[in-house]
Amino acid sequence: EGAALIEAVATVLTAFDAVQPFAPVLRLDLARLYAVAGLEP
């Protein structure tokens, strides 16, 4: 279930970013939450 969750989140956010690229501030927020979780952004 761990890998499935990580993949599901990446799929959702990649789709959004492809249609409307995230602003730098949002990218930083996402990078922070991935780093805090111990995952490479």
Full PDB file with SEQRES, HELIX, SHEET, SSBOND, CRYST1, ORIGX, SCALE, CONECT and MASTER records, all heavy atoms in Angstrom:
SEQRES   1 A   41  GLU GLY ALA ALA LEU ILE GLU ALA VAL ALA THR VAL LEU          
SEQRES   2 A   41  THR ALA PHE ASP ALA VAL GLN PRO PHE ALA PRO VAL LEU          
SEQRES   3 A   41  ARG LEU ASP LEU ALA ARG LEU TYR ALA VAL ALA GLY LEU          
SEQRES   4 A   41  GLU PRO                                                      
HELIX    1 AA1 GLY A    2  VAL A   19  1                                  18    
HELIX    2 AA2 PRO A   24  VAL A   36  1                                  13    
CRYST1    1.000    1.000    1.000  90.00  90.00  90.00 P 1           1          
ORIGX1      1.000000  0.000000  0.000000        0.00000                         
ORIGX2      0.000000  1.000000  0.000000        0.00000                         
ORIGX3      0.000000  0.000000  1.000000        0.00000                         
SCALE1      1.000000  0.000000  0.000000        0.00000                         
SCALE2      0.000000  1.000000  0.000000        0.00000                         
SCALE3      0.000000  0.000000  1.000000        0.00000                         
ATOM      1  N   GLU A   1       0.810  -1.215   0.000  1.00  0.00           N  
ATOM      2  CA  GLU A   1       0.000   0.000   0.000  1.00  0.00           C  
ATOM      3  C   GLU A   1       0.844   1.266   0.000  1.00  0.00           C  
ATOM      4  O   GLU A   1       0.403   2.313  -0.472  1.00  0.00           O  
ATOM      5  CB  GLU A   1      -0.938   0.012   1.213  1.00  0.00           C  
ATOM      6  CG  GLU A   1      -2.106  -0.936   1.127  1.00  0.00           C  
ATOM      7  CD  GLU A   1      -1.740  -2.358   1.508  1.00  0.00           C  
ATOM      8  OE1 GLU A   1      -0.549  -2.590   1.851  1.00  0.00           O  
ATOM      9  OE2 GLU A   1      -2.618  -3.242   1.454  1.00  0.00           O  
ATOM     10  N   GLY A   2       2.065   1.175   0.516  1.00  0.00           N  
ATOM     11  CA  GLY A   2       2.927   2.351   0.557  1.00  0.00           C  
ATOM     12  C   GLY A   2       3.285   2.849  -0.821  1.00  0.00           C  
ATOM     13  O   GLY A   2       3.110   4.033  -1.145  1.00  0.00           O  
ATOM     14  N   ALA A   3       3.778   1.965  -1.674  1.00  0.00           N  
ATOM     15  CA  ALA A   3       4.157   2.355  -3.029  1.00  0.00           C  
ATOM     16  C   ALA A   3       2.938   2.811  -3.822  1.00  0.00           C  
ATOM     17  O   ALA A   3       3.018   3.740  -4.634  1.00  0.00           O  
ATOM     18  CB  ALA A   3       4.847   1.184  -3.734  1.00  0.00           C  
ATOM     19  N   ALA A   4       1.790   2.178  -3.573  1.00  0.00           N  
ATOM     20  CA  ALA A   4       0.569   2.554  -4.283  1.00  0.00           C  
ATOM     21  C   ALA A   4       0.151   3.974  -3.942  1.00  0.00           C  
ATOM     22  O   ALA A   4      -0.284   4.739  -4.809  1.00  0.00           O  
ATOM     23  CB  ALA A   4      -0.553   1.571  -3.948  1.00  0.00           C  
ATOM     24  N   LEU A   5       0.263   4.356  -2.666  1.00  0.00           N  
ATOM     25  CA  LEU A   5      -0.097   5.716  -2.266  1.00  0.00           C  
ATOM     26  C   LEU A   5       0.840   6.730  -2.905  1.00  0.00           C  
ATOM     27  O   LEU A   5       0.393   7.751  -3.440  1.00  0.00           O  
ATOM     28  CB  LEU A   5      -0.065   5.851  -0.740  1.00  0.00           C  
ATOM     29  CG  LEU A   5      -0.544   7.186  -0.176  1.00  0.00           C  
ATOM     30  CD1 LEU A   5      -1.186   6.995   1.199  1.00  0.00           C  
ATOM     31  CD2 LEU A   5       0.594   8.212  -0.060  1.00  0.00           C  
ATOM     32  N   ILE A   6       2.130   6.462  -2.855  1.00  0.00           N  
ATOM     33  CA  ILE A   6       3.105   7.391  -3.443  1.00  0.00           C  
ATOM     34  C   ILE A   6       2.840   7.566  -4.936  1.00  0.00           C  
ATOM     35  O   ILE A   6       2.886   8.684  -5.466  1.00  0.00           O  
ATOM     36  CB  ILE A   6       4.535   6.880  -3.188  1.00  0.00           C  
ATOM     37  CG1 ILE A   6       4.850   6.921  -1.688  1.00  0.00           C  
ATOM     38  CG2 ILE A   6       5.555   7.717  -3.969  1.00  0.00           C  
ATOM     39  CD1 ILE A   6       6.146   6.247  -1.310  1.00  0.00           C  
ATOM     40  N   GLU A   7       2.552   6.482  -5.610  1.00  0.00           N  
ATOM     41  CA  GLU A   7       2.269   6.547  -7.044  1.00  0.00           C  
ATOM     42  C   GLU A   7       0.975   7.312  -7.328  1.00  0.00           C  
ATOM     43  O   GLU A   7       0.896   8.098  -8.279  1.00  0.00           O  
ATOM     44  CB  GLU A   7       2.173   5.138  -7.624  1.00  0.00           C  
ATOM     45  CG  GLU A   7       1.904   5.114  -9.126  1.00  0.00           C  
ATOM     46  CD  GLU A   7       1.792   3.711  -9.684  1.00  0.00           C  
ATOM     47  OE1 GLU A   7       1.959   2.749  -8.908  1.00  0.00           O  
ATOM     48  OE2 GLU A   7       1.531   3.579 -10.900  1.00  0.00           O  
ATOM     49  N   ALA A   8      -0.043   7.090  -6.497  1.00  0.00           N  
ATOM     50  CA  ALA A   8      -1.322   7.774  -6.700  1.00  0.00           C  
ATOM     51  C   ALA A   8      -1.168   9.282  -6.548  1.00  0.00           C  
ATOM     52  O   ALA A   8      -1.701  10.060  -7.345  1.00  0.00           O  
ATOM     53  CB  ALA A   8      -2.360   7.241  -5.711  1.00  0.00           C  
ATOM     54  N   VAL A   9      -0.444   9.706  -5.534  1.00  0.00           N  
ATOM     55  CA  VAL A   9      -0.217  11.137  -5.327  1.00  0.00           C  
ATOM     56  C   VAL A   9       0.553  11.731  -6.507  1.00  0.00           C  
ATOM     57  O   VAL A   9       0.194  12.794  -7.036  1.00  0.00           O  
ATOM     58  CB  VAL A   9       0.557  11.376  -4.014  1.00  0.00           C  
ATOM     59  CG1 VAL A   9       0.983  12.841  -3.902  1.00  0.00           C  
ATOM     60  CG2 VAL A   9      -0.288  10.985  -2.813  1.00  0.00           C  
ATOM     61  N   ALA A  10       1.592  11.037  -6.941  1.00  0.00           N  
ATOM     62  CA  ALA A  10       2.402  11.534  -8.056  1.00  0.00           C  
ATOM     63  C   ALA A  10       1.574  11.644  -9.340  1.00  0.00           C  
ATOM     64  O   ALA A  10       1.736  12.594 -10.110  1.00  0.00           O  
ATOM     65  CB  ALA A  10       3.609  10.625  -8.275  1.00  0.00           C  
ATOM     66  N   THR A  11       0.694  10.692  -9.562  1.00  0.00           N  
ATOM     67  CA  THR A  11      -0.134  10.711 -10.767  1.00  0.00           C  
ATOM     68  C   THR A  11      -1.067  11.915 -10.776  1.00  0.00           C  
ATOM     69  O   THR A  11      -1.200  12.630 -11.782  1.00  0.00           O  
ATOM     70  CB  THR A  11      -0.955   9.416 -10.882  1.00  0.00           C  
ATOM     71  OG1 THR A  11      -0.062   8.295 -10.921  1.00  0.00           O  
ATOM     72  CG2 THR A  11      -1.801   9.418 -12.139  1.00  0.00           C  
ATOM     73  N   VAL A  12      -1.713  12.171  -9.644  1.00  0.00           N  
ATOM     74  CA  VAL A  12      -2.623  13.309  -9.536  1.00  0.00           C  
ATOM     75  C   VAL A  12      -1.872  14.626  -9.756  1.00  0.00           C  
ATOM     76  O   VAL A  12      -2.279  15.469 -10.568  1.00  0.00           O  
ATOM     77  CB  VAL A  12      -3.311  13.323  -8.156  1.00  0.00           C  
ATOM     78  CG1 VAL A  12      -4.113  14.616  -7.973  1.00  0.00           C  
ATOM     79  CG2 VAL A  12      -4.221  12.120  -7.997  1.00  0.00           C  
ATOM     80  N   LEU A  13      -0.775  14.809  -9.038  1.00  0.00           N  
ATOM     81  CA  LEU A  13      -0.076  16.090  -9.086  1.00  0.00           C  
ATOM     82  C   LEU A  13       0.648  16.290 -10.417  1.00  0.00           C  
ATOM     83  O   LEU A  13       0.743  17.420 -10.913  1.00  0.00           O  
ATOM     84  CB  LEU A  13       0.892  16.189  -7.913  1.00  0.00           C  
ATOM     85  CG  LEU A  13       0.217  16.151  -6.531  1.00  0.00           C  
ATOM     86  CD1 LEU A  13       1.241  16.392  -5.426  1.00  0.00           C  
ATOM     87  CD2 LEU A  13      -0.905  17.169  -6.429  1.00  0.00           C  
ATOM     88  N   THR A  14       1.154  15.229 -11.018  1.00  0.00           N  
ATOM     89  CA  THR A  14       1.790  15.348 -12.332  1.00  0.00           C  
ATOM     90  C   THR A  14       0.774  15.789 -13.373  1.00  0.00           C  
ATOM     91  O   THR A  14       1.066  16.613 -14.247  1.00  0.00           O  
ATOM     92  CB  THR A  14       2.425  14.010 -12.744  1.00  0.00           C  
ATOM     93  OG1 THR A  14       3.449  13.660 -11.809  1.00  0.00           O  
ATOM     94  CG2 THR A  14       3.041  14.114 -14.137  1.00  0.00           C  
ATOM     95  N   ALA A  15      -0.446  15.260 -13.288  1.00  0.00           N  
ATOM     96  CA  ALA A  15      -1.500  15.632 -14.232  1.00  0.00           C  
ATOM     97  C   ALA A  15      -1.858  17.102 -14.093  1.00  0.00           C  
ATOM     98  O   ALA A  15      -2.015  17.820 -15.087  1.00  0.00           O  
ATOM     99  CB  ALA A  15      -2.728  14.753 -14.019  1.00  0.00           C  
ATOM    100  N   PHE A  16      -1.991  17.584 -12.862  1.00  0.00           N  
ATOM    101  CA  PHE A  16      -2.286  18.997 -12.658  1.00  0.00           C  
ATOM    102  C   PHE A  16      -1.157  19.879 -13.186  1.00  0.00           C  
ATOM    103  O   PHE A  16      -1.383  20.887 -13.856  1.00  0.00           O  
ATOM    104  CB  PHE A  16      -2.497  19.281 -11.168  1.00  0.00           C  
ATOM    105  CG  PHE A  16      -3.914  19.115 -10.716  1.00  0.00           C  
ATOM    106  CD1 PHE A  16      -4.267  18.064  -9.893  1.00  0.00           C  
ATOM    107  CD2 PHE A  16      -4.898  20.000 -11.117  1.00  0.00           C  
ATOM    108  CE1 PHE A  16      -5.575  17.899  -9.471  1.00  0.00           C  
ATOM    109  CE2 PHE A  16      -6.213  19.848 -10.704  1.00  0.00           C  
ATOM    110  CZ  PHE A  16      -6.554  18.802  -9.875  1.00  0.00           C  
ATOM    111  N   ASP A  17       0.083  19.513 -12.866  1.00  0.00           N  
ATOM    112  CA  ASP A  17       1.231  20.321 -13.266  1.00  0.00           C  
ATOM    113  C   ASP A  17       1.382  20.367 -14.779  1.00  0.00           C  
ATOM    114  O   ASP A  17       1.840  21.374 -15.340  1.00  0.00           O  
ATOM    115  CB  ASP A  17       2.496  19.750 -12.615  1.00  0.00           C  
ATOM    116  CG  ASP A  17       3.728  20.618 -12.836  1.00  0.00           C  
ATOM    117  OD1 ASP A  17       3.609  21.853 -12.730  1.00  0.00           O  
ATOM    118  OD2 ASP A  17       4.794  20.054 -13.127  1.00  0.00           O  
ATOM    119  N   ALA A  18       1.008  19.292 -15.457  1.00  0.00           N  
ATOM    120  CA  ALA A  18       1.122  19.248 -16.913  1.00  0.00           C  
ATOM    121  C   ALA A  18       0.153  20.218 -17.578  1.00  0.00           C  
ATOM    122  O   ALA A  18       0.448  20.804 -18.623  1.00  0.00           O  
ATOM    123  CB  ALA A  18       0.878  17.827 -17.422  1.00  0.00           C  
ATOM    124  N   VAL A  19      -1.024  20.376 -16.976  1.00  0.00           N  
ATOM    125  CA  VAL A  19      -2.030  21.257 -17.557  1.00  0.00           C  
ATOM    126  C   VAL A  19      -1.779  22.718 -17.185  1.00  0.00           C  
ATOM    127  O   VAL A  19      -1.868  23.619 -18.024  1.00  0.00           O  
ATOM    128  CB  VAL A  19      -3.442  20.832 -17.095  1.00  0.00           C  
ATOM    129  CG1 VAL A  19      -4.504  21.836 -17.560  1.00  0.00           C  
ATOM    130  CG2 VAL A  19      -3.768  19.447 -17.634  1.00  0.00           C  
ATOM    131  N   GLN A  20      -1.458  22.953 -15.931  1.00  0.00           N  
ATOM    132  CA  GLN A  20      -1.173  24.304 -15.454  1.00  0.00           C  
ATOM    133  C   GLN A  20       0.013  24.231 -14.508  1.00  0.00           C  
ATOM    134  O   GLN A  20      -0.147  23.883 -13.344  1.00  0.00           O  
ATOM    135  CB  GLN A  20      -2.388  24.895 -14.748  1.00  0.00           C  
ATOM    136  CG  GLN A  20      -2.184  26.317 -14.269  1.00  0.00           C  
ATOM    137  CD  GLN A  20      -3.442  26.896 -13.639  1.00  0.00           C  
ATOM    138  OE1 GLN A  20      -4.537  26.422 -13.889  1.00  0.00           O  
ATOM    139  NE2 GLN A  20      -3.268  27.916 -12.823  1.00  0.00           N  
ATOM    140  N   PRO A  21       1.228  24.537 -14.989  1.00  0.00           N  
ATOM    141  CA  PRO A  21       2.432  24.395 -14.157  1.00  0.00           C  
ATOM    142  C   PRO A  21       2.293  25.099 -12.815  1.00  0.00           C  
ATOM    143  O   PRO A  21       1.793  26.224 -12.735  1.00  0.00           O  
ATOM    144  CB  PRO A  21       3.529  25.038 -15.019  1.00  0.00           C  
ATOM    145  CG  PRO A  21       3.037  24.866 -16.417  1.00  0.00           C  
ATOM    146  CD  PRO A  21       1.546  25.026 -16.343  1.00  0.00           C  
ATOM    147  N   PHE A  22       2.732  24.419 -11.776  1.00  0.00           N  
ATOM    148  CA  PHE A  22       2.649  24.975 -10.439  1.00  0.00           C  
ATOM    149  C   PHE A  22       3.537  26.208 -10.296  1.00  0.00           C  
ATOM    150  O   PHE A  22       4.638  26.265 -10.857  1.00  0.00           O  
ATOM    151  CB  PHE A  22       3.077  23.937  -9.399  1.00  0.00           C  
ATOM    152  CG  PHE A  22       2.181  22.726  -9.329  1.00  0.00           C  
ATOM    153  CD1 PHE A  22       2.711  21.474  -9.055  1.00  0.00           C  
ATOM    154  CD2 PHE A  22       0.816  22.839  -9.537  1.00  0.00           C  
ATOM    155  CE1 PHE A  22       1.894  20.358  -8.972  1.00  0.00           C  
ATOM    156  CE2 PHE A  22      -0.012  21.729  -9.467  1.00  0.00           C  
ATOM    157  CZ  PHE A  22       0.522  20.482  -9.182  1.00  0.00           C  
ATOM    158  N   ALA A  23       3.087  27.156  -9.513  1.00  0.00           N  
ATOM    159  CA  ALA A  23       3.876  28.346  -9.214  1.00  0.00           C  
ATOM    160  C   ALA A  23       5.059  27.955  -8.327  1.00  0.00           C  
ATOM    161  O   ALA A  23       5.012  26.952  -7.611  1.00  0.00           O  
ATOM    162  CB  ALA A  23       3.010  29.379  -8.505  1.00  0.00           C  
ATOM    163  N   PRO A  24       6.140  28.740  -8.360  1.00  0.00           N  
ATOM    164  CA  PRO A  24       7.319  28.416  -7.538  1.00  0.00           C  
ATOM    165  C   PRO A  24       7.007  28.223  -6.058  1.00  0.00           C  
ATOM    166  O   PRO A  24       7.552  27.323  -5.423  1.00  0.00           O  
ATOM    167  CB  PRO A  24       8.237  29.621  -7.767  1.00  0.00           C  
ATOM    168  CG  PRO A  24       7.875  30.114  -9.129  1.00  0.00           C  
ATOM    169  CD  PRO A  24       6.391  29.904  -9.230  1.00  0.00           C  
ATOM    170  N   VAL A  25       6.128  29.066  -5.499  1.00  0.00           N  
ATOM    171  CA  VAL A  25       5.816  28.937  -4.077  1.00  0.00           C  
ATOM    172  C   VAL A  25       5.160  27.598  -3.792  1.00  0.00           C  
ATOM    173  O   VAL A  25       5.472  26.937  -2.788  1.00  0.00           O  
ATOM    174  CB  VAL A  25       4.904  30.095  -3.619  1.00  0.00           C  
ATOM    175  CG1 VAL A  25       4.378  29.828  -2.212  1.00  0.00           C  
ATOM    176  CG2 VAL A  25       5.662  31.416  -3.643  1.00  0.00           C  
ATOM    177  N   LEU A  26       4.255  27.157  -4.656  1.00  0.00           N  
ATOM    178  CA  LEU A  26       3.606  25.857  -4.473  1.00  0.00           C  
ATOM    179  C   LEU A  26       4.618  24.732  -4.640  1.00  0.00           C  
ATOM    180  O   LEU A  26       4.589  23.736  -3.906  1.00  0.00           O  
ATOM    181  CB  LEU A  26       2.447  25.690  -5.462  1.00  0.00           C  
ATOM    182  CG  LEU A  26       1.709  24.342  -5.415  1.00  0.00           C  
ATOM    183  CD1 LEU A  26       1.235  24.012  -3.999  1.00  0.00           C  
ATOM    184  CD2 LEU A  26       0.529  24.349  -6.383  1.00  0.00           C  
ATOM    185  N   ARG A  27       5.519  24.860  -5.608  1.00  0.00           N  
ATOM    186  CA  ARG A  27       6.556  23.837  -5.790  1.00  0.00           C  
ATOM    187  C   ARG A  27       7.403  23.699  -4.526  1.00  0.00           C  
ATOM    188  O   ARG A  27       7.771  22.595  -4.115  1.00  0.00           O  
ATOM    189  CB  ARG A  27       7.434  24.180  -6.992  1.00  0.00           C  
ATOM    190  CG  ARG A  27       6.728  23.979  -8.326  1.00  0.00           C  
ATOM    191  CD  ARG A  27       7.615  24.379  -9.503  1.00  0.00           C  
ATOM    192  NE  ARG A  27       6.881  24.229 -10.750  1.00  0.00           N  
ATOM    193  CZ  ARG A  27       6.854  23.130 -11.483  1.00  0.00           C  
ATOM    194  NH1 ARG A  27       7.556  22.075 -11.098  1.00  0.00           N  
ATOM    195  NH2 ARG A  27       6.151  23.065 -12.596  1.00  0.00           N  
ATOM    196  N   LEU A  28       7.709  24.834  -3.905  1.00  0.00           N  
ATOM    197  CA  LEU A  28       8.479  24.784  -2.666  1.00  0.00           C  
ATOM    198  C   LEU A  28       7.693  24.089  -1.561  1.00  0.00           C  
ATOM    199  O   LEU A  28       8.246  23.302  -0.797  1.00  0.00           O  
ATOM    200  CB  LEU A  28       8.851  26.204  -2.221  1.00  0.00           C  
ATOM    201  CG  LEU A  28      10.132  26.795  -2.791  1.00  0.00           C  
ATOM    202  CD1 LEU A  28      10.333  28.207  -2.253  1.00  0.00           C  
ATOM    203  CD2 LEU A  28      11.339  25.929  -2.464  1.00  0.00           C  
ATOM    204  N   ASP A  29       6.398  24.377  -1.465  1.00  0.00           N  
ATOM    205  CA  ASP A  29       5.576  23.719  -0.451  1.00  0.00           C  
ATOM    206  C   ASP A  29       5.552  22.206  -0.672  1.00  0.00           C  
ATOM    207  O   ASP A  29       5.651  21.419   0.279  1.00  0.00           O  
ATOM    208  CB  ASP A  29       4.154  24.275  -0.482  1.00  0.00           C  
ATOM    209  CG  ASP A  29       4.014  25.579   0.283  1.00  0.00           C  
ATOM    210  OD1 ASP A  29       4.889  25.862   1.125  1.00  0.00           O  
ATOM    211  OD2 ASP A  29       3.036  26.310   0.045  1.00  0.00           O  
ATOM    212  N   LEU A  30       5.406  21.803  -1.932  1.00  0.00           N  
ATOM    213  CA  LEU A  30       5.387  20.374  -2.237  1.00  0.00           C  
ATOM    214  C   LEU A  30       6.746  19.735  -1.964  1.00  0.00           C  
ATOM    215  O   LEU A  30       6.831  18.614  -1.442  1.00  0.00           O  
ATOM    216  CB  LEU A  30       4.973  20.154  -3.692  1.00  0.00           C  
ATOM    217  CG  LEU A  30       3.532  20.540  -4.037  1.00  0.00           C  
ATOM    218  CD1 LEU A  30       3.299  20.442  -5.549  1.00  0.00           C  
ATOM    219  CD2 LEU A  30       2.534  19.659  -3.295  1.00  0.00           C  
ATOM    220  N   ALA A  31       7.820  20.446  -2.316  1.00  0.00           N  
ATOM    221  CA  ALA A  31       9.165  19.928  -2.032  1.00  0.00           C  
ATOM    222  C   ALA A  31       9.367  19.750  -0.535  1.00  0.00           C  
ATOM    223  O   ALA A  31       9.942  18.754  -0.077  1.00  0.00           O  
ATOM    224  CB  ALA A  31      10.218  20.878  -2.598  1.00  0.00           C  
ATOM    225  N   ARG A  32       8.865  20.715   0.236  1.00  0.00           N  
ATOM    226  CA  ARG A  32       9.006  20.637   1.686  1.00  0.00           C  
ATOM    227  C   ARG A  32       8.287  19.417   2.235  1.00  0.00           C  
ATOM    228  O   ARG A  32       8.849  18.658   3.035  1.00  0.00           O  
ATOM    229  CB  ARG A  32       8.433  21.901   2.331  1.00  0.00           C  
ATOM    230  CG  ARG A  32       8.394  21.851   3.866  1.00  0.00           C  
ATOM    231  CD  ARG A  32       7.646  23.037   4.433  1.00  0.00           C  
ATOM    232  NE  ARG A  32       6.279  23.118   3.922  1.00  0.00           N  
ATOM    233  CZ  ARG A  32       5.268  22.379   4.382  1.00  0.00           C  
ATOM    234  NH1 ARG A  32       5.481  21.495   5.358  1.00  0.00           N  
ATOM    235  NH2 ARG A  32       4.052  22.510   3.883  1.00  0.00           N  
ATOM    236  N   LEU A  33       7.043  19.200   1.812  1.00  0.00           N  
ATOM    237  CA  LEU A  33       6.301  18.090   2.406  1.00  0.00           C  
ATOM    238  C   LEU A  33       6.874  16.736   1.991  1.00  0.00           C  
ATOM    239  O   LEU A  33       6.842  15.773   2.758  1.00  0.00           O  
ATOM    240  CB  LEU A  33       4.806  18.199   2.105  1.00  0.00           C  
ATOM    241  CG  LEU A  33       4.268  18.086   0.683  1.00  0.00           C  
ATOM    242  CD1 LEU A  33       4.035  16.624   0.316  1.00  0.00           C  
ATOM    243  CD2 LEU A  33       2.954  18.855   0.566  1.00  0.00           C  
ATOM    244  N   TYR A  34       7.428  16.648   0.770  1.00  0.00           N  
ATOM    245  CA  TYR A  34       8.091  15.403   0.366  1.00  0.00           C  
ATOM    246  C   TYR A  34       9.364  15.190   1.186  1.00  0.00           C  
ATOM    247  O   TYR A  34       9.646  14.070   1.638  1.00  0.00           O  
ATOM    248  CB  TYR A  34       8.427  15.425  -1.124  1.00  0.00           C  
ATOM    249  CG  TYR A  34       7.360  14.801  -1.998  1.00  0.00           C  
ATOM    250  CD1 TYR A  34       6.284  15.544  -2.456  1.00  0.00           C  
ATOM    251  CD2 TYR A  34       7.421  13.454  -2.354  1.00  0.00           C  
ATOM    252  CE1 TYR A  34       5.291  14.974  -3.249  1.00  0.00           C  
ATOM    253  CE2 TYR A  34       6.438  12.870  -3.146  1.00  0.00           C  
ATOM    254  CZ  TYR A  34       5.376  13.633  -3.585  1.00  0.00           C  
ATOM    255  OH  TYR A  34       4.394  13.059  -4.363  1.00  0.00           O  
ATOM    256  N   ALA A  35      10.141  16.266   1.366  1.00  0.00           N  
ATOM    257  CA  ALA A  35      11.389  16.136   2.113  1.00  0.00           C  
ATOM    258  C   ALA A  35      11.123  15.765   3.562  1.00  0.00           C  
ATOM    259  O   ALA A  35      11.805  14.905   4.134  1.00  0.00           O  
ATOM    260  CB  ALA A  35      12.179  17.444   2.036  1.00  0.00           C  
ATOM    261  N   VAL A  36      10.127  16.402   4.182  1.00  0.00           N  
ATOM    262  CA  VAL A  36       9.792  16.094   5.564  1.00  0.00           C  
ATOM    263  C   VAL A  36       9.349  14.635   5.698  1.00  0.00           C  
ATOM    264  O   VAL A  36       9.589  13.986   6.721  1.00  0.00           O  
ATOM    265  CB  VAL A  36       8.686  17.050   6.074  1.00  0.00           C  
ATOM    266  CG1 VAL A  36       8.131  16.583   7.403  1.00  0.00           C  
ATOM    267  CG2 VAL A  36       9.255  18.466   6.206  1.00  0.00           C  
ATOM    268  N   ALA A  37       8.720  14.115   4.642  1.00  0.00           N  
ATOM    269  CA  ALA A  37       8.296  12.713   4.655  1.00  0.00           C  
ATOM    270  C   ALA A  37       9.450  11.754   4.354  1.00  0.00           C  
ATOM    271  O   ALA A  37       9.250  10.537   4.363  1.00  0.00           O  
ATOM    272  CB  ALA A  37       7.170  12.503   3.645  1.00  0.00           C  
ATOM    273  N   GLY A  38      10.627  12.293   4.076  1.00  0.00           N  
ATOM    274  CA  GLY A  38      11.768  11.429   3.793  1.00  0.00           C  
ATOM    275  C   GLY A  38      11.808  10.902   2.379  1.00  0.00           C  
ATOM    276  O   GLY A  38      12.468   9.899   2.100  1.00  0.00           O  
ATOM    277  N   LEU A  39      11.118  11.587   1.459  1.00  0.00           N  
ATOM    278  CA  LEU A  39      11.065  11.169   0.059  1.00  0.00           C  
ATOM    279  C   LEU A  39      11.667  12.246  -0.831  1.00  0.00           C  
ATOM    280  O   LEU A  39      11.509  13.444  -0.572  1.00  0.00           O  
ATOM    281  CB  LEU A  39       9.614  10.920  -0.368  1.00  0.00           C  
ATOM    282  CG  LEU A  39       8.876   9.799   0.348  1.00  0.00           C  
ATOM    283  CD1 LEU A  39       7.394   9.838  -0.013  1.00  0.00           C  
ATOM    284  CD2 LEU A  39       9.474   8.439  -0.006  1.00  0.00           C  
ATOM    285  N   GLU A  40      12.340  11.827  -1.892  1.00  0.00           N  
ATOM    286  CA  GLU A  40      12.889  12.803  -2.818  1.00  0.00           C  
ATOM    287  C   GLU A  40      11.758  13.443  -3.615  1.00  0.00           C  
ATOM    288  O   GLU A  40      10.888  12.750  -4.162  1.00  0.00           O  
ATOM    289  CB  GLU A  40      13.899  12.133  -3.762  1.00  0.00           C  
ATOM    290  CG  GLU A  40      15.127  11.634  -3.024  1.00  0.00           C  
ATOM    291  CD  GLU A  40      16.305  11.401  -3.952  1.00  0.00           C  
ATOM    292  OE1 GLU A  40      16.331  12.008  -5.039  1.00  0.00           O  
ATOM    293  OE2 GLU A  40      17.191  10.622  -3.577  1.00  0.00           O  
ATOM    294  N   PRO A  41      11.749  14.772  -3.697  1.00  0.00           N  
ATOM    295  CA  PRO A  41      10.664  15.469  -4.402  1.00  0.00           C  
ATOM    296  C   PRO A  41      10.645  15.121  -5.888  1.00  0.00           C  
ATOM    297  O   PRO A  41      11.681  15.090  -6.540  1.00  0.00           O  
ATOM    298  CB  PRO A  41      11.009  16.955  -4.188  1.00  0.00           C  
ATOM    299  CG  PRO A  41      11.851  16.966  -2.953  1.00  0.00           C  
ATOM    300  CD  PRO A  41      12.662  15.703  -3.022  1.00  0.00           C  
TER     301      PRO A  41                                                      
MASTER        0    0    0    2    0    0    0    6  300    1    0    4          
END                                                                             
